N, C-alpha and C. Protein backbone atom coordinates (compact mmCIF):
# COMPACT_ATOMS: atom_id res chain seq x y z
N MET A 1 15.47 34.01 -15.76
CA MET A 1 14.71 32.69 -15.92
C MET A 1 15.68 31.59 -16.41
N GLU A 2 16.48 32.07 -17.45
CA GLU A 2 17.38 31.01 -18.07
C GLU A 2 18.36 30.53 -17.09
N GLY A 3 18.98 31.45 -16.25
CA GLY A 3 19.83 31.06 -15.22
C GLY A 3 19.31 30.13 -14.20
N SER A 4 18.07 30.38 -13.78
CA SER A 4 17.46 29.52 -12.77
C SER A 4 17.15 28.11 -13.37
N THR A 5 16.75 28.20 -14.65
CA THR A 5 16.44 26.92 -15.31
C THR A 5 17.64 26.02 -15.44
N THR A 6 18.79 26.65 -15.77
CA THR A 6 20.11 25.90 -15.85
C THR A 6 20.48 25.33 -14.57
N SER A 7 20.33 26.08 -13.50
CA SER A 7 20.74 25.65 -12.19
C SER A 7 19.80 24.50 -11.67
N ASN A 8 18.55 24.62 -12.06
CA ASN A 8 17.62 23.55 -11.75
C ASN A 8 17.97 22.29 -12.43
N ASN A 9 18.29 22.40 -13.76
CA ASN A 9 18.68 21.22 -14.50
C ASN A 9 19.93 20.57 -13.94
N LYS A 10 20.85 21.39 -13.54
CA LYS A 10 22.10 20.83 -12.98
C LYS A 10 21.71 20.21 -11.63
N GLY A 11 20.90 20.77 -10.86
CA GLY A 11 20.45 20.13 -9.62
C GLY A 11 19.65 18.84 -9.80
N LEU A 12 18.95 18.86 -10.94
CA LEU A 12 18.10 17.63 -11.25
C LEU A 12 18.94 16.42 -11.50
N PHE A 13 20.08 16.59 -12.17
CA PHE A 13 20.90 15.49 -12.59
C PHE A 13 22.26 15.42 -11.72
N SER A 14 22.38 16.30 -10.84
CA SER A 14 23.64 16.25 -10.03
C SER A 14 23.75 15.04 -9.13
N SER A 15 22.70 14.44 -8.72
CA SER A 15 22.71 13.24 -7.82
C SER A 15 22.15 12.04 -8.53
N LEU A 16 22.33 11.94 -9.86
CA LEU A 16 21.83 10.87 -10.72
C LEU A 16 22.40 9.58 -10.24
N LYS A 17 23.65 9.53 -9.78
CA LYS A 17 24.34 8.28 -9.32
C LYS A 17 23.63 7.73 -8.12
N GLN A 18 23.13 8.60 -7.23
CA GLN A 18 22.39 8.05 -6.06
C GLN A 18 20.90 7.83 -6.38
N ASP A 19 20.37 8.65 -7.27
CA ASP A 19 18.87 8.67 -7.61
C ASP A 19 18.59 7.35 -8.39
N LEU A 20 19.48 6.95 -9.28
CA LEU A 20 19.18 5.85 -10.16
C LEU A 20 18.96 4.56 -9.37
N PRO A 21 19.91 4.11 -8.53
CA PRO A 21 19.62 2.86 -7.76
C PRO A 21 18.51 3.02 -6.80
N ALA A 22 18.22 4.23 -6.22
CA ALA A 22 17.20 4.49 -5.33
C ALA A 22 15.88 4.29 -5.99
N SER A 23 15.78 4.77 -7.22
CA SER A 23 14.55 4.66 -8.01
C SER A 23 14.20 3.15 -8.34
N VAL A 24 15.33 2.39 -8.64
CA VAL A 24 15.11 0.96 -8.97
C VAL A 24 14.54 0.28 -7.72
N VAL A 25 15.16 0.54 -6.54
CA VAL A 25 14.70 -0.11 -5.31
C VAL A 25 13.24 0.24 -5.07
N VAL A 26 12.88 1.52 -5.19
CA VAL A 26 11.53 2.06 -4.96
C VAL A 26 10.55 1.33 -5.92
N PHE A 27 11.03 1.18 -7.21
CA PHE A 27 10.17 0.53 -8.24
C PHE A 27 9.85 -0.90 -7.82
N PHE A 28 10.95 -1.67 -7.47
CA PHE A 28 10.66 -3.07 -7.09
C PHE A 28 9.78 -3.24 -5.83
N VAL A 29 9.79 -2.25 -4.99
CA VAL A 29 8.96 -2.29 -3.79
C VAL A 29 7.55 -1.87 -4.17
N ALA A 30 7.44 -0.76 -4.95
CA ALA A 30 6.14 -0.13 -5.22
C ALA A 30 5.31 -0.98 -6.14
N LEU A 31 5.92 -1.64 -7.21
CA LEU A 31 5.15 -2.36 -8.21
C LEU A 31 4.35 -3.45 -7.59
N PRO A 32 4.97 -4.39 -6.80
CA PRO A 32 4.15 -5.48 -6.22
C PRO A 32 3.16 -4.90 -5.16
N LEU A 33 3.60 -3.81 -4.47
CA LEU A 33 2.69 -3.20 -3.47
C LEU A 33 1.45 -2.65 -4.12
N CYS A 34 1.61 -1.95 -5.23
CA CYS A 34 0.44 -1.43 -5.95
C CYS A 34 -0.49 -2.54 -6.45
N LEU A 35 0.11 -3.57 -6.94
CA LEU A 35 -0.68 -4.69 -7.47
C LEU A 35 -1.41 -5.39 -6.26
N GLY A 36 -0.69 -5.60 -5.10
CA GLY A 36 -1.23 -6.27 -3.96
C GLY A 36 -2.35 -5.42 -3.34
N ILE A 37 -2.25 -4.23 -3.23
CA ILE A 37 -3.20 -3.34 -2.70
C ILE A 37 -4.50 -3.34 -3.48
N ALA A 38 -4.27 -3.22 -4.89
CA ALA A 38 -5.41 -3.27 -5.79
C ALA A 38 -6.19 -4.58 -5.69
N LEU A 39 -5.46 -5.69 -5.55
CA LEU A 39 -6.06 -7.02 -5.32
C LEU A 39 -6.84 -7.14 -3.99
N ALA A 40 -6.20 -6.59 -2.96
CA ALA A 40 -6.85 -6.58 -1.62
C ALA A 40 -8.01 -5.69 -1.56
N SER A 41 -8.04 -4.68 -2.42
CA SER A 41 -9.13 -3.74 -2.45
C SER A 41 -10.27 -4.12 -3.26
N GLY A 42 -10.10 -5.22 -4.04
CA GLY A 42 -11.21 -5.64 -4.89
C GLY A 42 -11.27 -4.88 -6.22
N ALA A 43 -10.21 -4.10 -6.54
CA ALA A 43 -10.14 -3.26 -7.73
C ALA A 43 -9.35 -3.97 -8.75
N PRO A 44 -9.53 -3.61 -10.04
CA PRO A 44 -8.72 -4.28 -11.15
C PRO A 44 -7.19 -3.92 -10.91
N LEU A 45 -6.39 -4.95 -11.25
CA LEU A 45 -4.96 -4.79 -11.03
C LEU A 45 -4.39 -3.63 -11.80
N PHE A 46 -4.99 -3.25 -12.91
CA PHE A 46 -4.48 -2.16 -13.76
C PHE A 46 -4.64 -0.84 -13.00
N SER A 47 -5.71 -0.73 -12.17
CA SER A 47 -5.91 0.46 -11.39
C SER A 47 -4.77 0.66 -10.40
N GLY A 48 -4.11 -0.43 -9.90
CA GLY A 48 -2.99 -0.37 -9.05
C GLY A 48 -1.79 0.26 -9.73
N LEU A 49 -1.60 -0.10 -10.98
CA LEU A 49 -0.44 0.43 -11.77
C LEU A 49 -0.76 1.93 -11.96
N ILE A 50 -1.95 2.23 -12.32
CA ILE A 50 -2.28 3.71 -12.56
C ILE A 50 -1.96 4.52 -11.26
N ALA A 51 -2.49 4.03 -10.15
CA ALA A 51 -2.29 4.68 -8.86
C ALA A 51 -0.81 4.86 -8.55
N GLY A 52 0.05 3.81 -8.84
CA GLY A 52 1.45 3.86 -8.61
C GLY A 52 2.10 4.89 -9.48
N ILE A 53 1.71 4.97 -10.72
CA ILE A 53 2.30 6.00 -11.68
C ILE A 53 1.91 7.37 -11.21
N ILE A 54 0.62 7.61 -10.90
CA ILE A 54 0.24 8.91 -10.46
C ILE A 54 0.91 9.33 -9.14
N GLY A 55 0.98 8.36 -8.17
CA GLY A 55 1.56 8.69 -6.88
C GLY A 55 3.04 8.81 -6.95
N GLY A 56 3.74 8.04 -7.80
CA GLY A 56 5.11 8.08 -7.83
C GLY A 56 5.76 9.07 -8.74
N VAL A 57 5.10 9.36 -9.89
CA VAL A 57 5.67 10.23 -10.91
C VAL A 57 5.02 11.63 -10.83
N ILE A 58 3.70 11.68 -10.97
CA ILE A 58 3.00 12.96 -11.00
C ILE A 58 3.02 13.71 -9.63
N VAL A 59 2.55 12.99 -8.60
CA VAL A 59 2.60 13.64 -7.25
C VAL A 59 3.98 13.91 -6.81
N GLY A 60 4.92 13.07 -7.12
CA GLY A 60 6.32 13.22 -6.80
C GLY A 60 6.98 14.51 -7.45
N ALA A 61 6.59 14.71 -8.71
CA ALA A 61 7.10 15.93 -9.43
C ALA A 61 6.41 17.15 -8.96
N LEU A 62 5.12 17.14 -8.68
CA LEU A 62 4.39 18.34 -8.18
C LEU A 62 4.72 18.71 -6.73
N SER A 63 5.18 17.75 -5.93
CA SER A 63 5.37 18.02 -4.52
C SER A 63 6.64 18.88 -4.26
N GLY A 64 7.62 18.70 -5.17
CA GLY A 64 8.84 19.44 -5.02
C GLY A 64 9.77 18.95 -3.97
N SER A 65 9.38 17.84 -3.31
CA SER A 65 10.22 17.23 -2.25
C SER A 65 11.26 16.31 -2.91
N THR A 66 12.47 16.36 -2.34
CA THR A 66 13.56 15.49 -2.80
C THR A 66 13.52 14.07 -2.22
N LEU A 67 12.72 13.91 -1.17
CA LEU A 67 12.71 12.56 -0.45
C LEU A 67 11.31 11.91 -0.41
N GLY A 68 10.31 12.60 -0.93
CA GLY A 68 8.98 12.09 -0.84
C GLY A 68 8.72 10.81 -1.74
N VAL A 69 8.08 9.86 -1.20
CA VAL A 69 7.62 8.68 -1.95
C VAL A 69 6.13 8.49 -1.68
N SER A 70 5.34 8.51 -2.69
CA SER A 70 3.92 8.42 -2.47
C SER A 70 3.35 7.29 -3.37
N GLY A 71 2.22 6.81 -2.99
CA GLY A 71 1.53 5.74 -3.79
C GLY A 71 0.28 5.24 -3.07
N PRO A 72 -0.25 4.09 -3.50
CA PRO A 72 -1.47 3.58 -2.81
C PRO A 72 -1.26 3.30 -1.32
N ALA A 73 -2.19 3.52 -0.52
CA ALA A 73 -2.07 3.36 0.90
C ALA A 73 -2.66 2.01 1.30
N ALA A 74 -1.82 1.15 1.91
CA ALA A 74 -2.34 -0.20 2.30
C ALA A 74 -3.41 -0.12 3.33
N GLY A 75 -3.32 0.89 4.23
CA GLY A 75 -4.27 1.06 5.32
C GLY A 75 -5.71 1.25 4.85
N LEU A 76 -5.85 1.71 3.58
CA LEU A 76 -7.23 1.98 3.06
C LEU A 76 -7.81 0.84 2.25
N ALA A 77 -7.10 -0.29 2.21
CA ALA A 77 -7.56 -1.45 1.40
C ALA A 77 -8.88 -1.94 1.79
N VAL A 78 -9.06 -2.09 3.15
CA VAL A 78 -10.35 -2.66 3.64
C VAL A 78 -11.50 -1.59 3.43
N ILE A 79 -11.18 -0.40 3.60
CA ILE A 79 -12.20 0.70 3.36
C ILE A 79 -12.60 0.71 1.88
N VAL A 80 -11.67 0.63 1.02
CA VAL A 80 -11.96 0.65 -0.53
C VAL A 80 -12.76 -0.56 -0.88
N LEU A 81 -12.35 -1.78 -0.36
CA LEU A 81 -13.05 -2.98 -0.65
C LEU A 81 -14.53 -2.83 -0.22
N THR A 82 -14.77 -2.41 1.03
CA THR A 82 -16.16 -2.19 1.50
C THR A 82 -16.94 -1.20 0.68
N ALA A 83 -16.25 -0.10 0.25
CA ALA A 83 -16.89 0.89 -0.48
C ALA A 83 -17.32 0.41 -1.87
N ILE A 84 -16.43 -0.37 -2.49
CA ILE A 84 -16.78 -0.93 -3.82
C ILE A 84 -17.95 -1.93 -3.69
N GLN A 85 -17.97 -2.68 -2.64
CA GLN A 85 -19.08 -3.66 -2.41
C GLN A 85 -20.42 -2.92 -2.15
N ASP A 86 -20.35 -1.88 -1.32
CA ASP A 86 -21.59 -1.16 -0.99
C ASP A 86 -22.13 -0.39 -2.13
N LEU A 87 -21.23 0.21 -3.04
CA LEU A 87 -21.62 1.00 -4.11
C LEU A 87 -22.05 0.12 -5.29
N GLY A 88 -21.63 -1.14 -5.34
CA GLY A 88 -22.09 -2.07 -6.30
C GLY A 88 -21.28 -2.14 -7.53
N ALA A 89 -20.35 -1.24 -7.86
CA ALA A 89 -19.55 -1.31 -9.05
C ALA A 89 -18.30 -0.46 -8.91
N PHE A 90 -17.23 -0.87 -9.49
CA PHE A 90 -15.98 -0.12 -9.37
C PHE A 90 -16.07 1.26 -10.09
N ASP A 91 -16.81 1.28 -11.22
CA ASP A 91 -17.01 2.62 -11.88
C ASP A 91 -17.68 3.65 -11.02
N ILE A 92 -18.68 3.18 -10.22
CA ILE A 92 -19.30 4.13 -9.31
C ILE A 92 -18.36 4.61 -8.25
N PHE A 93 -17.52 3.68 -7.77
CA PHE A 93 -16.54 4.04 -6.73
C PHE A 93 -15.55 5.04 -7.26
N LEU A 94 -15.15 4.96 -8.58
CA LEU A 94 -14.31 5.97 -9.21
C LEU A 94 -14.94 7.37 -9.19
N VAL A 95 -16.21 7.39 -9.43
CA VAL A 95 -16.92 8.71 -9.45
C VAL A 95 -16.80 9.35 -8.00
N ALA A 96 -17.04 8.48 -6.99
CA ALA A 96 -16.96 8.89 -5.59
C ALA A 96 -15.54 9.35 -5.31
N VAL A 97 -14.56 8.73 -5.81
CA VAL A 97 -13.17 9.11 -5.60
C VAL A 97 -12.83 10.56 -6.13
N VAL A 98 -13.41 10.69 -7.44
CA VAL A 98 -13.19 11.98 -8.08
C VAL A 98 -13.86 13.15 -7.30
N LEU A 99 -15.09 12.87 -6.83
CA LEU A 99 -15.87 13.87 -6.06
C LEU A 99 -15.12 14.14 -4.73
N ALA A 100 -14.50 13.09 -4.13
CA ALA A 100 -13.74 13.25 -2.88
C ALA A 100 -12.51 14.11 -3.19
N GLY A 101 -11.87 13.88 -4.31
CA GLY A 101 -10.74 14.73 -4.67
C GLY A 101 -11.05 16.12 -4.88
N ILE A 102 -12.28 16.44 -5.52
CA ILE A 102 -12.63 17.81 -5.67
C ILE A 102 -12.82 18.47 -4.31
N ILE A 103 -13.55 17.74 -3.41
CA ILE A 103 -13.83 18.30 -2.05
C ILE A 103 -12.47 18.52 -1.29
N GLN A 104 -11.53 17.58 -1.49
CA GLN A 104 -10.21 17.85 -0.90
C GLN A 104 -9.50 19.10 -1.41
N LEU A 105 -9.64 19.33 -2.69
CA LEU A 105 -9.01 20.53 -3.28
C LEU A 105 -9.69 21.83 -2.72
N ILE A 106 -11.02 21.78 -2.61
CA ILE A 106 -11.71 22.88 -2.10
C ILE A 106 -11.30 23.14 -0.62
N MET A 107 -11.22 22.06 0.11
CA MET A 107 -10.85 22.19 1.50
C MET A 107 -9.44 22.71 1.69
N GLY A 108 -8.55 22.29 0.69
CA GLY A 108 -7.17 22.73 0.73
C GLY A 108 -7.04 24.20 0.49
N PHE A 109 -7.74 24.71 -0.54
CA PHE A 109 -7.69 26.10 -0.82
C PHE A 109 -8.31 26.98 0.30
N ALA A 110 -9.30 26.35 1.02
CA ALA A 110 -10.05 27.01 2.15
C ALA A 110 -9.28 26.87 3.48
N LYS A 111 -8.08 26.25 3.42
CA LYS A 111 -7.26 26.01 4.62
C LYS A 111 -7.99 25.16 5.68
N GLY A 112 -8.69 24.18 5.19
CA GLY A 112 -9.53 23.33 5.99
C GLY A 112 -8.74 22.25 6.71
N GLY A 113 -7.47 22.14 6.43
CA GLY A 113 -6.59 21.11 7.13
C GLY A 113 -6.56 21.29 8.62
N ILE A 114 -6.91 22.43 9.11
CA ILE A 114 -6.92 22.67 10.60
C ILE A 114 -7.89 21.79 11.31
N ILE A 115 -8.91 21.25 10.57
CA ILE A 115 -9.87 20.26 11.15
C ILE A 115 -9.20 19.02 11.75
N ALA A 116 -8.08 18.62 11.08
CA ALA A 116 -7.45 17.42 11.54
C ALA A 116 -6.89 17.53 12.94
N TYR A 117 -6.68 18.76 13.37
CA TYR A 117 -6.19 18.85 14.84
C TYR A 117 -7.32 18.53 15.85
N PHE A 118 -8.49 18.51 15.39
CA PHE A 118 -9.62 18.08 16.34
C PHE A 118 -9.77 16.59 16.44
N PHE A 119 -9.12 15.79 15.65
CA PHE A 119 -9.13 14.35 15.72
C PHE A 119 -7.98 13.78 16.50
N PRO A 120 -8.22 13.10 17.59
CA PRO A 120 -7.05 12.59 18.37
C PRO A 120 -6.20 11.64 17.55
N SER A 121 -4.91 11.73 17.67
CA SER A 121 -3.97 10.88 16.89
C SER A 121 -4.13 9.43 17.27
N SER A 122 -4.61 9.15 18.52
CA SER A 122 -4.74 7.80 18.96
C SER A 122 -5.88 7.12 18.13
N VAL A 123 -6.89 7.85 17.73
CA VAL A 123 -7.93 7.26 16.88
C VAL A 123 -7.41 6.85 15.50
N ILE A 124 -6.53 7.70 14.95
CA ILE A 124 -5.94 7.36 13.65
C ILE A 124 -5.03 6.21 13.77
N PHE A 125 -4.12 6.22 14.76
CA PHE A 125 -3.19 5.12 15.04
C PHE A 125 -3.94 3.82 15.22
N GLY A 126 -5.04 3.88 16.06
CA GLY A 126 -5.84 2.71 16.30
C GLY A 126 -6.39 2.09 15.08
N MET A 127 -6.94 2.99 14.18
CA MET A 127 -7.65 2.45 12.96
C MET A 127 -6.57 1.78 12.12
N LEU A 128 -5.36 2.49 11.92
CA LEU A 128 -4.31 1.85 11.11
C LEU A 128 -3.83 0.59 11.67
N SER A 129 -3.66 0.52 13.04
CA SER A 129 -3.14 -0.67 13.69
C SER A 129 -4.19 -1.80 13.47
N GLY A 130 -5.49 -1.52 13.59
CA GLY A 130 -6.49 -2.54 13.47
C GLY A 130 -6.48 -3.16 12.03
N ILE A 131 -6.38 -2.19 11.05
CA ILE A 131 -6.34 -2.68 9.66
C ILE A 131 -5.06 -3.53 9.45
N GLY A 132 -3.95 -3.10 10.00
CA GLY A 132 -2.62 -3.84 9.86
C GLY A 132 -2.83 -5.26 10.46
N ILE A 133 -3.38 -5.35 11.62
CA ILE A 133 -3.63 -6.66 12.24
C ILE A 133 -4.46 -7.58 11.40
N ILE A 134 -5.54 -6.98 10.81
CA ILE A 134 -6.43 -7.77 9.99
C ILE A 134 -5.70 -8.37 8.75
N ILE A 135 -4.95 -7.45 8.08
CA ILE A 135 -4.17 -7.86 6.91
C ILE A 135 -3.12 -8.88 7.26
N PHE A 136 -2.44 -8.71 8.40
CA PHE A 136 -1.40 -9.68 8.85
C PHE A 136 -2.00 -11.07 9.10
N ILE A 137 -3.15 -11.07 9.90
CA ILE A 137 -3.78 -12.37 10.24
C ILE A 137 -4.32 -13.09 8.99
N LYS A 138 -4.86 -12.32 8.04
CA LYS A 138 -5.42 -12.88 6.87
C LYS A 138 -4.34 -13.47 5.91
N GLN A 139 -3.13 -12.98 6.00
CA GLN A 139 -2.08 -13.39 5.08
C GLN A 139 -1.34 -14.68 5.66
N ILE A 140 -1.49 -14.97 6.94
CA ILE A 140 -0.80 -16.08 7.51
C ILE A 140 -1.14 -17.43 6.76
N PRO A 141 -2.47 -17.77 6.55
CA PRO A 141 -2.74 -19.05 5.82
C PRO A 141 -2.15 -19.07 4.39
N HIS A 142 -2.14 -17.90 3.70
CA HIS A 142 -1.59 -17.92 2.35
C HIS A 142 -0.08 -18.01 2.41
N ALA A 143 0.61 -17.42 3.46
CA ALA A 143 2.02 -17.64 3.57
C ALA A 143 2.48 -19.05 3.77
N LEU A 144 1.59 -19.86 4.33
CA LEU A 144 1.92 -21.25 4.59
C LEU A 144 1.29 -22.18 3.54
N GLY A 145 0.72 -21.63 2.52
CA GLY A 145 0.33 -22.41 1.36
C GLY A 145 -1.17 -22.76 1.29
N TYR A 146 -2.01 -22.22 2.20
CA TYR A 146 -3.44 -22.52 2.17
C TYR A 146 -4.20 -21.52 1.28
N ASP A 147 -4.75 -22.00 0.20
CA ASP A 147 -5.33 -21.02 -0.78
C ASP A 147 -6.81 -21.33 -1.06
N LYS A 148 -7.52 -22.05 -0.19
CA LYS A 148 -9.01 -22.29 -0.47
C LYS A 148 -9.80 -21.05 -0.33
N ASP A 149 -9.40 -20.13 0.52
CA ASP A 149 -10.01 -18.87 0.64
C ASP A 149 -9.31 -17.89 -0.19
N PRO A 150 -10.00 -17.18 -1.17
CA PRO A 150 -9.35 -16.28 -2.11
C PRO A 150 -8.61 -15.13 -1.33
N GLU A 151 -7.41 -14.81 -1.81
CA GLU A 151 -6.64 -13.70 -1.23
C GLU A 151 -7.43 -12.35 -1.56
N GLY A 152 -7.51 -11.54 -0.53
CA GLY A 152 -8.26 -10.35 -0.70
C GLY A 152 -9.65 -10.41 -0.06
N ASP A 153 -9.97 -11.55 0.53
CA ASP A 153 -11.25 -11.72 1.24
C ASP A 153 -11.04 -11.32 2.63
N PHE A 154 -11.49 -10.08 2.99
CA PHE A 154 -11.31 -9.50 4.31
C PHE A 154 -12.54 -9.63 5.22
N GLU A 155 -13.53 -10.35 4.77
CA GLU A 155 -14.74 -10.59 5.58
C GLU A 155 -14.41 -11.50 6.80
N PHE A 156 -15.04 -11.31 7.90
CA PHE A 156 -14.86 -12.21 9.07
C PHE A 156 -15.23 -13.58 8.72
N MET A 157 -16.46 -13.85 8.14
CA MET A 157 -16.94 -15.06 7.70
C MET A 157 -16.46 -15.21 6.24
N GLN A 158 -15.59 -16.16 6.04
CA GLN A 158 -14.93 -16.30 4.76
C GLN A 158 -15.64 -17.24 3.76
N VAL A 159 -15.17 -17.17 2.54
CA VAL A 159 -15.85 -17.93 1.43
C VAL A 159 -15.70 -19.39 1.67
N ASP A 160 -14.61 -19.86 2.30
CA ASP A 160 -14.46 -21.27 2.52
C ASP A 160 -15.17 -21.86 3.77
N GLY A 161 -16.03 -20.94 4.44
CA GLY A 161 -16.84 -21.44 5.55
C GLY A 161 -16.13 -21.23 6.89
N GLN A 162 -14.85 -20.82 6.84
CA GLN A 162 -14.20 -20.58 8.17
C GLN A 162 -14.29 -19.04 8.46
N ASN A 163 -13.88 -18.73 9.72
CA ASN A 163 -13.80 -17.34 10.09
C ASN A 163 -12.34 -16.94 10.22
N THR A 164 -12.02 -15.72 10.55
CA THR A 164 -10.63 -15.30 10.57
C THR A 164 -9.74 -16.11 11.51
N PHE A 165 -10.29 -16.42 12.66
CA PHE A 165 -9.55 -17.14 13.71
C PHE A 165 -9.57 -18.66 13.54
N SER A 166 -10.67 -19.19 13.15
CA SER A 166 -10.72 -20.66 12.95
C SER A 166 -9.86 -21.06 11.79
N GLU A 167 -9.58 -20.17 10.82
CA GLU A 167 -8.84 -20.46 9.72
C GLU A 167 -7.32 -20.73 10.12
N LEU A 168 -6.88 -20.10 11.23
CA LEU A 168 -5.47 -20.29 11.68
C LEU A 168 -5.26 -21.76 12.12
N PHE A 169 -6.33 -22.37 12.67
CA PHE A 169 -6.24 -23.81 13.05
C PHE A 169 -6.56 -24.75 11.85
N ASN A 170 -7.41 -24.34 10.95
CA ASN A 170 -7.76 -25.13 9.84
C ASN A 170 -6.63 -25.27 8.87
N MET A 171 -5.80 -24.26 8.75
CA MET A 171 -4.71 -24.24 7.79
C MET A 171 -3.62 -25.25 8.16
N ILE A 172 -3.55 -25.69 9.37
CA ILE A 172 -2.46 -26.61 9.84
C ILE A 172 -2.43 -27.85 8.97
N GLU A 173 -3.63 -28.27 8.57
CA GLU A 173 -3.76 -29.51 7.76
C GLU A 173 -3.29 -29.32 6.31
N TYR A 174 -3.15 -28.09 5.84
CA TYR A 174 -2.86 -27.74 4.52
C TYR A 174 -1.49 -27.08 4.31
N ILE A 175 -0.59 -27.15 5.28
CA ILE A 175 0.64 -26.48 5.14
C ILE A 175 1.57 -27.03 4.02
N SER A 176 1.97 -26.14 3.10
CA SER A 176 2.83 -26.59 2.01
C SER A 176 4.30 -26.29 2.40
N PRO A 177 5.18 -27.29 2.34
CA PRO A 177 6.62 -27.10 2.68
C PRO A 177 7.28 -25.96 1.83
N GLY A 178 6.90 -25.97 0.53
CA GLY A 178 7.58 -24.92 -0.31
C GLY A 178 7.25 -23.55 0.10
N ALA A 179 5.88 -23.32 0.33
CA ALA A 179 5.39 -22.01 0.72
C ALA A 179 6.01 -21.59 2.12
N LEU A 180 6.07 -22.61 2.99
CA LEU A 180 6.60 -22.34 4.29
C LEU A 180 8.07 -21.90 4.28
N ILE A 181 8.83 -22.62 3.39
CA ILE A 181 10.30 -22.22 3.22
C ILE A 181 10.35 -20.81 2.69
N ILE A 182 9.58 -20.50 1.69
CA ILE A 182 9.66 -19.11 1.09
C ILE A 182 9.28 -18.11 2.10
N ALA A 183 8.27 -18.36 2.91
CA ALA A 183 7.75 -17.41 4.00
C ALA A 183 8.87 -17.18 4.96
N VAL A 184 9.47 -18.27 5.43
CA VAL A 184 10.52 -18.14 6.48
C VAL A 184 11.78 -17.42 5.95
N VAL A 185 12.16 -17.75 4.71
CA VAL A 185 13.38 -17.09 4.12
C VAL A 185 13.10 -15.62 3.92
N SER A 186 11.88 -15.28 3.42
CA SER A 186 11.49 -13.83 3.17
C SER A 186 11.51 -13.07 4.47
N LEU A 187 10.86 -13.65 5.60
CA LEU A 187 10.87 -13.00 6.82
C LEU A 187 12.33 -12.83 7.41
N GLY A 188 13.12 -13.87 7.22
CA GLY A 188 14.49 -13.80 7.70
C GLY A 188 15.27 -12.69 6.93
N ILE A 189 15.00 -12.49 5.64
CA ILE A 189 15.71 -11.44 4.94
C ILE A 189 15.27 -10.06 5.47
N LEU A 190 13.99 -9.93 5.68
CA LEU A 190 13.40 -8.65 6.20
C LEU A 190 14.03 -8.31 7.56
N LEU A 191 14.12 -9.32 8.41
CA LEU A 191 14.71 -9.05 9.73
C LEU A 191 16.20 -8.77 9.73
N LEU A 192 16.92 -9.57 8.94
CA LEU A 192 18.37 -9.42 8.88
C LEU A 192 18.75 -8.16 8.15
N TRP A 193 17.87 -7.62 7.28
CA TRP A 193 18.19 -6.44 6.42
C TRP A 193 18.49 -5.24 7.39
N GLU A 194 17.93 -5.14 8.55
CA GLU A 194 18.12 -4.05 9.45
C GLU A 194 19.19 -4.21 10.36
N THR A 195 19.91 -5.31 10.38
CA THR A 195 21.01 -5.59 11.30
C THR A 195 22.27 -4.80 10.89
N LYS A 196 23.15 -4.57 11.83
CA LYS A 196 24.32 -3.75 11.59
C LYS A 196 25.24 -4.49 10.63
N MET A 197 25.28 -5.79 10.68
CA MET A 197 26.21 -6.61 9.79
C MET A 197 25.80 -6.40 8.29
N ILE A 198 24.53 -6.48 8.03
CA ILE A 198 24.04 -6.32 6.67
C ILE A 198 24.25 -4.84 6.19
N LYS A 199 23.94 -3.89 7.05
CA LYS A 199 24.06 -2.44 6.68
C LYS A 199 25.50 -2.10 6.29
N LYS A 200 26.51 -2.84 6.82
CA LYS A 200 27.90 -2.52 6.48
C LYS A 200 28.13 -2.77 5.01
N PHE A 201 27.44 -3.74 4.38
CA PHE A 201 27.65 -4.10 3.03
C PHE A 201 26.55 -3.55 2.12
């Protein structure tokens, strides 16, 4: 046991030079993502931090994978928001999450994962694509500086009296040059980041 422990410890710190910058990058990506998903889900921001810690540290340590990165899922933001609104309180939603976790553990021990094979992958991809399109369209007005509708409002009929599509025309009168520049520069960085020229450096 001592020999295996020593080798595990050596293996744990043998790639520290690569792991340290990788962890910093994941942290800078995961932290605003956790906060953003919590905001979009209608949950307290602190719950986003908790979910990030559990997903990044605890789940990562238990999984045993050297490449796994886990955390809050952006695709579930609309579902969580609707669930919190339907149940009436965030505390009640947490109870539902705990019960769902218990059911997942039971299904895991019972090898119930085989049920997933009966669901067509196109249904799953379609659901995630639909949620992604909703999130993308809803963020366009905010990216251009229009903030009369609160961020995280995923209802079709919005608080400001507009709907998802009419908002795209309504925001034209409220475009902020500063927000527009930041949005364009950010998108430019994201697109250029994958080019061969940037990858060389």
